[in-house]
Every structure is written in C-alpha cells, then in structure tokens.
Amino acid sequence: MQLAKRPRRLRRHPWIRDLVREHSLSASDLIWPIFVIEGQGRREPVASMPGVERLTVDLAVDAAVEAAALGVRAMALFPVTDPARKDPRGTLALDPENLTCRAARAIKAKAPSIGLIADVALDPYTSHGHDGVLVDGDVHNDETVAILSEMAVVLAKAGFDVVAPSDMMDGRIGAVRDALERAGHNDTLILSYAAKYASAFYGPFREAVGSASALGTADKRTYQMDPANSDEALREVALDIEQGADMVMVKPGMPYLDIVRRVKETFAVPTVAYQVSGEYAMLRAASERGWLSWDKCIVESLLAFKRAGADAVLTYAAVEVARWLRSG
C-alpha cells in the first residue's frame, strides 16, 4: 500500500524544517536577571548556579552594554544586601541611594536602550527573609502593600522602566499603579508576578541574594500559590490585569508551562515566564556531569516557553544564548 500522507517530507531537509518551523527564539525574547553587589571591579561566583556571578555596579554596566549589543532588550536587577543593613521592615528598600537604584542609574547612563526591570519585594532587605512585614509571625498584607507602593516610586525615579511586584500580596498591583500615577510615573510599566508558586525550585536564587539563611526553615506558602492549583492562577491574573498590570508573569517556568498556556489563551496579554534558578541549576549540573548537552538543552527549554505561549522569558543564560544566536 502506497502512503499518500508522509509527514517526514517536511522534515527531510534543513531548509524545509526552517521554512515550516512554528516557533523561533531570538535574543529579543530573553530577559537577563543579574545579581548586583557592593564594591568595585569584583565578581563572585554563585556556587549553586555554575556560570552565574554576582557583579559590582561597574561590571553590571559592562554586562548591560554587552547584552544590548547582542540584542537582549531587558535586564532584571536583584540586589545582594549586607545583612547588617537589613531590618524587620526592609527599610533600605526605600532609600534612593540603595544598591539597586545606583545600579539602575549607572546602567541607564551607559546602556540607555536596554529596558530595566526592578523587583518590588522586601525579601532582599528584611532580616527575616520574607517578602513583607511580619506582624505576630504573619506577613501583614496591607502594611506590606503600603511599603511596596513607596518602593515602586523610588525605583521608577531611579530610572527603572518596569516595576515587577513579586511579593504576591493581595491588592498590591492597584496600589502600586495608584502610587506611580500620583508621582507622575504614568509610563512606568508594571510586570506582575501574577502566578507565583511556593516552589522548591527557588533555592539557588535565595542563596545568590543571601535571603536563604535569614528565612531559615520558614516558608512562603501563606502568600505564594499552592503548586497543586491551576484555576487559582487565572483568578490571580484576572485581578492583576484589572488593577493595572501591563504584563503578567508565571513563576517558575517549565514545571508550570500548563499555566503559561492557560494564561495566554485566556487573557491574550503579554505573558512572561521565569526560568528560575533551580531549573537553570539542574540543566547546568547535568551538563557538567556529561549527562546532557548544555547548549542544546537550554535552547530547547527556551523554545518550550515560546511554544507554550510566553512572549518573553527570564533566564540566567540570556547572554550566553544570545551569543550563540548571533554566531548562527
């Protein structure tokens, strides 16, 4: 019997595979998260994230210039705060001369074309490692939201194009939007961590920013989402869009591609996914053991985000991947 339908015809040659490919990956799809430290000319390897380094502001500027030249259009900055400067309320978050604000001004001076995204949460600044203010052992929602709103304005004034509330407090998007409007920052974008799960995949990140030791054995399950829930993510996203979010994020990434797909199909808004530290670390560790091909697996994983519906992906491999894409 002769076969009339042979799908392999469309896979036979590189030119036809390229021609009919449904999704593609470019440097402009990638957002590069970096960790910033105090000092000058200094870089610190992150032990649990091979290939990732904490950078002083001057080196972060150099990194931003390279990223922009490679076509990476946005970076997300995360500060590493001296424990001696942390307190229960995360007071340093409101200081316009804090590390994050200084880094933003320096980067914008040398790489003005790159979009800067600021994390709006208190965990890098609190002595207890939570994303908000503790009252009787619980993270107090409304008191935290008031501080986050002030923090967002401070970050917008420092030059950040996007503020990204990652705390998962109720009502914080509306409060941040109101605060930005009142302060005259009408054009500042809000990227909401709208569906952020209480995930075990964040461990290396907490080590990188120094919040793991402060948090200790505590967890964030009273405000981050239950990994078992899917419909809840849609409710969270709907609320954040209603309150003024310009973009929404799903975090973590690959274990939650079903959520990415549901969010994109339901709301048709700019949807971002975060390939978090644990995902990155697993692929790196496996490749260092010779079990996986690093370059092939990281690119395949990023394509999976695009296929699921993500418009952009935060990945620690952004610049490395951009170099490969540039070289062909």
Protein backbone atom coordinates (compact mmCIF):
# COMPACT_ATOMS: atom_id res chain seq x y z
CA MET A 1 0.00 0.00 0.00
CA GLN A 2 1.42 3.37 -1.02
CA LEU A 3 1.35 6.09 1.63
CA ALA A 4 -0.09 9.41 0.44
CA LYS A 5 0.50 11.20 3.72
CA ARG A 6 4.13 11.34 4.79
CA PRO A 7 4.79 13.99 7.46
CA ARG A 8 8.50 13.24 7.21
CA ARG A 9 8.62 15.11 3.88
CA LEU A 10 8.52 18.31 5.91
CA ARG A 11 11.49 17.18 7.99
CA ARG A 12 13.75 15.84 5.27
CA HIS A 13 16.00 18.86 4.70
CA PRO A 14 17.18 21.77 6.86
CA TRP A 15 15.66 24.35 4.51
CA ILE A 16 12.15 22.88 4.77
CA ARG A 17 12.40 22.46 8.54
CA ASP A 18 13.34 26.13 8.80
CA LEU A 19 10.54 27.15 6.45
CA VAL A 20 7.73 25.41 8.33
CA ARG A 21 9.02 25.94 11.87
CA GLU A 22 6.12 27.17 14.04
CA HIS A 23 8.14 28.95 16.74
CA SER A 24 11.52 30.60 16.85
CA LEU A 25 13.81 32.01 19.50
CA SER A 26 15.60 35.36 19.31
CA ALA A 27 17.68 37.44 21.70
CA SER A 28 14.80 39.90 21.98
CA ASP A 29 12.70 37.17 23.61
CA LEU A 30 15.09 36.99 26.56
CA ILE A 31 15.30 38.94 29.83
CA TRP A 32 18.56 38.63 31.73
CA PRO A 33 18.37 38.53 35.56
CA ILE A 34 21.60 39.62 37.26
CA PHE A 35 22.73 39.87 40.88
CA VAL A 36 24.37 43.12 41.97
CA ILE A 37 26.80 43.52 44.88
CA GLU A 38 28.62 46.40 46.53
CA GLY A 39 32.22 47.21 45.66
CA GLN A 40 34.29 47.84 42.57
CA GLY A 41 35.65 45.51 39.90
CA ARG A 42 34.52 42.43 41.75
CA ARG A 43 32.60 39.34 40.69
CA GLU A 44 31.52 36.46 42.92
CA PRO A 45 30.54 33.06 41.54
CA VAL A 46 27.20 31.68 42.75
CA ALA A 47 28.12 28.16 43.86
CA SER A 48 24.69 26.65 43.20
CA MET A 49 24.39 28.30 39.77
CA PRO A 50 27.50 27.48 37.73
CA GLY A 51 28.23 30.21 35.20
CA VAL A 52 26.33 32.88 37.16
CA GLU A 53 28.19 35.61 39.04
CA ARG A 54 27.26 38.45 41.37
CA LEU A 55 28.59 41.69 39.87
CA THR A 56 29.57 45.07 41.26
CA VAL A 57 27.85 48.04 39.65
CA ASP A 58 30.71 48.86 37.28
CA LEU A 59 30.76 45.28 35.98
CA ALA A 60 26.97 45.24 35.77
CA VAL A 61 27.24 48.27 33.48
CA ASP A 62 29.70 46.40 31.25
CA ALA A 63 27.35 43.41 31.23
CA ALA A 64 24.43 45.62 30.20
CA VAL A 65 26.42 47.13 27.33
CA GLU A 66 27.28 43.64 26.07
CA ALA A 67 23.69 42.43 26.45
CA ALA A 68 22.35 45.36 24.47
CA ALA A 69 24.90 44.79 21.71
CA LEU A 70 23.78 41.16 21.46
CA GLY A 71 20.12 42.12 21.11
CA VAL A 72 18.94 41.32 24.64
CA ARG A 73 16.40 44.05 25.25
CA ALA A 74 15.82 43.87 29.01
CA MET A 75 17.54 43.04 32.29
CA ALA A 76 16.16 42.38 35.76
CA LEU A 77 18.28 43.52 38.71
CA PHE A 78 18.40 41.76 42.08
CA PRO A 79 20.48 43.26 44.91
CA VAL A 80 22.62 41.35 47.39
CA THR A 81 22.22 43.27 50.64
CA ASP A 82 24.70 43.33 53.51
CA PRO A 83 22.95 41.52 56.41
CA ALA A 84 23.99 44.35 58.71
CA ARG A 85 21.80 46.72 56.68
CA LYS A 86 18.68 44.55 56.83
CA ASP A 87 15.92 45.12 59.34
CA PRO A 88 12.42 43.68 60.02
CA ARG A 89 10.72 46.28 57.79
CA GLY A 90 13.19 46.27 54.92
CA THR A 91 13.81 50.00 55.36
CA LEU A 92 16.68 50.07 52.85
CA ALA A 93 14.20 49.32 50.06
CA LEU A 94 13.00 52.93 50.26
CA ASP A 95 16.46 54.51 50.13
CA PRO A 96 17.02 56.19 46.72
CA GLU A 97 20.75 55.59 47.19
CA ASN A 98 20.46 51.86 47.74
CA LEU A 99 22.39 49.43 45.57
CA THR A 100 19.53 48.76 43.14
CA CYS A 101 18.89 52.43 42.45
CA ARG A 102 22.58 53.23 41.97
CA ALA A 103 22.94 50.29 39.58
CA ALA A 104 19.94 51.44 37.55
CA ARG A 105 21.29 54.97 37.14
CA ALA A 106 24.73 53.71 36.15
CA ILE A 107 23.37 51.25 33.59
CA LYS A 108 20.99 53.78 32.05
CA ALA A 109 23.89 56.22 31.64
CA LYS A 110 25.89 53.74 29.52
CA ALA A 111 23.22 51.47 28.00
CA PRO A 112 20.10 53.65 27.70
CA SER A 113 18.44 51.37 25.15
CA ILE A 114 18.13 48.38 27.47
CA GLY A 115 14.94 48.03 29.48
CA LEU A 116 15.46 47.73 33.23
CA ILE A 117 13.13 45.70 35.42
CA ALA A 118 13.07 46.17 39.19
CA ASP A 119 11.98 43.50 41.65
CA VAL A 120 9.40 45.00 44.02
CA ALA A 121 9.54 42.87 47.15
CA LEU A 122 11.10 43.21 50.56
CA ASP A 123 12.88 39.87 50.92
CA PRO A 124 16.31 41.21 49.83
CA TYR A 125 16.05 43.80 52.61
CA THR A 126 14.28 42.11 55.54
CA SER A 127 16.22 40.47 58.34
CA HIS A 128 13.69 37.62 58.43
CA GLY A 129 13.79 36.90 54.67
CA HIS A 130 10.07 37.29 54.00
CA ASP A 131 8.60 39.43 51.21
CA GLY A 132 6.76 41.69 53.64
CA VAL A 133 6.40 42.96 57.19
CA LEU A 134 5.82 40.38 59.91
CA VAL A 135 3.09 41.07 62.48
CA ASP A 136 2.66 38.38 65.14
CA GLY A 137 4.55 35.95 62.93
CA ASP A 138 2.41 36.51 59.84
CA VAL A 139 3.21 38.61 56.78
CA HIS A 140 0.86 41.58 57.10
CA ASN A 141 -0.74 42.20 53.72
CA ASP A 142 -1.85 45.84 53.80
CA GLU A 143 1.13 47.20 55.71
CA THR A 144 3.41 45.48 53.22
CA VAL A 145 1.49 46.86 50.25
CA ALA A 146 1.91 50.41 51.55
CA ILE A 147 5.70 49.96 51.66
CA LEU A 148 5.81 48.30 48.26
CA SER A 149 3.94 51.23 46.73
CA GLU A 150 6.56 53.64 48.04
CA MET A 151 9.31 51.32 46.88
CA ALA A 152 7.92 51.24 43.33
CA VAL A 153 8.01 55.04 43.13
CA VAL A 154 11.62 55.12 44.39
CA LEU A 155 12.60 52.59 41.72
CA ALA A 156 10.78 54.45 38.94
CA LYS A 157 12.59 57.67 39.93
CA ALA A 158 15.91 55.80 39.76
CA GLY A 159 15.29 55.01 36.09
CA PHE A 160 13.66 51.60 36.04
CA ASP A 161 11.33 51.19 33.07
CA VAL A 162 9.40 48.34 34.66
CA VAL A 163 8.49 47.61 38.27
CA ALA A 164 7.76 43.97 38.97
CA PRO A 165 5.92 43.22 42.23
CA SER A 166 6.92 39.67 43.13
CA ASP A 167 5.54 39.52 46.66
CA MET A 168 2.05 38.06 45.99
CA MET A 169 0.31 40.41 48.44
CA ASP A 170 -3.38 40.99 47.70
CA GLY A 171 -4.17 44.31 46.05
CA ARG A 172 -0.60 45.39 45.51
CA ILE A 173 -0.89 45.99 41.76
CA GLY A 174 -3.67 48.53 42.17
CA ALA A 175 -1.82 50.25 45.00
CA VAL A 176 1.43 50.39 43.02
CA ARG A 177 -0.36 51.72 39.95
CA ASP A 178 -2.05 54.46 42.01
CA ALA A 179 1.25 55.42 43.63
CA LEU A 180 3.02 55.64 40.28
CA GLU A 181 0.25 57.76 38.78
CA ARG A 182 0.23 60.14 41.74
CA ALA A 183 4.01 60.53 41.46
CA GLY A 184 3.82 61.32 37.74
CA HIS A 185 5.27 58.00 36.55
CA ASN A 186 2.39 57.31 34.19
CA ASP A 187 4.55 55.48 31.67
CA THR A 188 6.23 53.09 34.10
CA LEU A 189 5.22 49.55 33.23
CA ILE A 190 4.04 47.02 35.77
CA LEU A 191 5.09 43.41 35.24
CA SER A 192 3.14 41.48 37.82
CA TYR A 193 4.38 38.20 39.21
CA ALA A 194 0.73 37.25 38.95
CA ALA A 195 1.04 33.47 39.31
CA LYS A 196 4.00 32.89 41.58
CA TYR A 197 4.03 29.49 43.23
CA ALA A 198 5.50 28.43 46.57
CA SER A 199 8.06 26.36 44.74
CA ALA A 200 11.04 24.25 45.79
CA PHE A 201 12.87 25.47 42.66
CA TYR A 202 13.89 28.84 44.17
CA GLY A 203 16.68 27.54 46.40
CA PRO A 204 19.72 28.69 44.40
CA PHE A 205 18.24 32.19 43.95
CA ARG A 206 17.83 32.61 47.70
CA GLU A 207 21.43 31.57 48.17
CA ALA A 208 22.51 34.05 45.48
CA VAL A 209 20.78 37.05 47.11
CA GLY A 210 21.52 35.96 50.66
CA SER A 211 17.94 35.52 51.88
CA ALA A 212 18.11 31.76 52.46
CA SER A 213 19.88 32.00 55.81
CA ALA A 214 17.51 34.71 57.02
CA LEU A 215 14.42 32.72 56.03
CA GLY A 216 15.73 29.56 57.66
CA THR A 217 13.12 26.80 57.87
CA ALA A 218 10.20 29.20 57.33
CA ASP A 219 8.27 29.10 54.07
CA LYS A 220 6.13 31.44 51.98
CA ARG A 221 3.06 29.28 51.49
CA THR A 222 0.69 31.78 53.13
CA TYR A 223 1.19 34.18 50.22
CA GLN A 224 2.73 32.29 47.30
CA MET A 225 0.46 29.89 45.42
CA ASP A 226 -0.09 26.19 46.05
CA PRO A 227 1.66 24.18 43.27
CA ALA A 228 -1.43 21.96 43.09
CA ASN A 229 -3.66 24.79 41.83
CA SER A 230 -4.29 25.90 38.27
CA ASP A 231 -7.67 27.71 38.25
CA GLU A 232 -6.41 29.90 41.08
CA ALA A 233 -3.71 31.25 38.77
CA LEU A 234 -6.35 32.54 36.38
CA ARG A 235 -8.14 34.32 39.21
CA GLU A 236 -4.88 35.94 40.34
CA VAL A 237 -4.02 37.04 36.81
CA ALA A 238 -7.50 38.46 36.23
CA LEU A 239 -7.26 40.56 39.39
CA ASP A 240 -3.84 41.94 38.48
CA ILE A 241 -4.91 42.88 34.95
CA GLU A 242 -8.00 44.60 36.36
CA GLN A 243 -5.80 46.55 38.78
CA GLY A 244 -3.49 47.85 36.07
CA ALA A 245 -0.76 45.30 35.27
CA ASP A 246 0.67 45.77 31.78
CA MET A 247 2.27 42.32 31.70
CA VAL A 248 1.91 39.20 33.80
CA MET A 249 4.39 36.54 34.83
CA VAL A 250 4.23 32.85 35.64
CA LYS A 251 6.93 31.59 38.00
CA PRO A 252 8.54 29.01 37.98
CA GLY A 253 8.68 28.21 34.30
CA MET A 254 8.99 24.73 32.86
CA PRO A 255 7.14 22.88 35.66
CA TYR A 256 4.27 25.35 35.03
CA LEU A 257 4.06 25.51 31.23
CA ASP A 258 0.42 24.48 31.51
CA ILE A 259 -0.19 27.69 33.47
CA VAL A 260 1.63 29.74 30.84
CA ARG A 261 -0.61 28.26 28.17
CA ARG A 262 -3.82 28.81 30.14
CA VAL A 263 -2.91 32.41 30.97
CA LYS A 264 -2.03 33.29 27.39
CA GLU A 265 -5.09 31.65 25.89
CA THR A 266 -7.47 33.11 28.48
CA PHE A 267 -6.27 36.72 28.63
CA ALA A 268 -4.18 37.31 25.46
CA VAL A 269 -1.96 39.78 27.34
CA PRO A 270 1.84 39.97 27.27
CA THR A 271 2.86 36.90 29.23
CA VAL A 272 6.31 36.33 30.71
CA ALA A 273 7.76 33.18 32.23
CA TYR A 274 10.72 32.86 34.58
CA GLN A 275 13.18 30.01 34.09
CA VAL A 276 14.09 30.06 37.75
CA SER A 277 17.37 29.29 39.46
CA GLY A 278 16.54 25.67 40.21
CA GLU A 279 15.67 24.95 36.59
CA TYR A 280 18.89 26.58 35.41
CA ALA A 281 20.96 24.77 38.04
CA MET A 282 19.57 21.36 37.15
CA LEU A 283 20.43 21.73 33.48
CA ARG A 284 23.88 23.08 34.31
CA ALA A 285 24.66 20.33 36.78
CA ALA A 286 23.51 17.59 34.42
CA SER A 287 25.59 19.04 31.61
CA GLU A 288 28.66 19.28 33.83
CA ARG A 289 28.24 15.59 34.61
CA GLY A 290 28.11 14.85 30.88
CA TRP A 291 24.50 13.69 31.04
CA LEU A 292 23.04 16.46 28.88
CA SER A 293 24.22 18.85 26.21
CA TRP A 294 24.04 22.30 27.81
CA ASP A 295 23.63 24.38 24.67
CA LYS A 296 21.06 22.11 23.06
CA CYS A 297 19.01 21.63 26.23
CA ILE A 298 18.89 25.28 27.25
CA VAL A 299 17.76 26.36 23.78
CA GLU A 300 15.17 23.58 23.66
CA SER A 301 13.85 24.60 27.06
CA LEU A 302 13.50 28.22 25.95
CA LEU A 303 11.68 27.16 22.81
CA ALA A 304 9.29 25.26 25.05
CA PHE A 305 8.38 28.53 26.76
CA LYS A 306 7.67 30.17 23.41
CA ARG A 307 5.62 27.19 22.27
CA ALA A 308 3.54 27.34 25.45
CA GLY A 309 2.70 30.99 24.78
CA ALA A 310 5.33 33.04 26.60
CA ASP A 311 6.19 36.32 24.90
CA ALA A 312 9.42 36.65 26.89
CA VAL A 313 11.49 34.52 29.26
CA LEU A 314 13.71 35.46 32.16
CA THR A 315 16.74 33.20 32.01
CA TYR A 316 20.20 33.35 33.55
CA ALA A 317 21.53 32.03 30.24
CA ALA A 318 20.20 35.00 28.24
CA VAL A 319 23.53 36.48 27.14
CA GLU A 320 25.11 33.08 26.52
CA VAL A 321 22.18 32.07 24.31
CA ALA A 322 22.23 35.47 22.57
CA ARG A 323 25.90 34.90 21.65
CA TRP A 324 25.01 31.55 20.09
CA LEU A 325 22.12 33.06 18.17
CA ARG A 326 24.37 35.87 16.91
CA SER A 327 27.02 33.42 15.70
CA GLY A 328 24.41 31.31 13.92
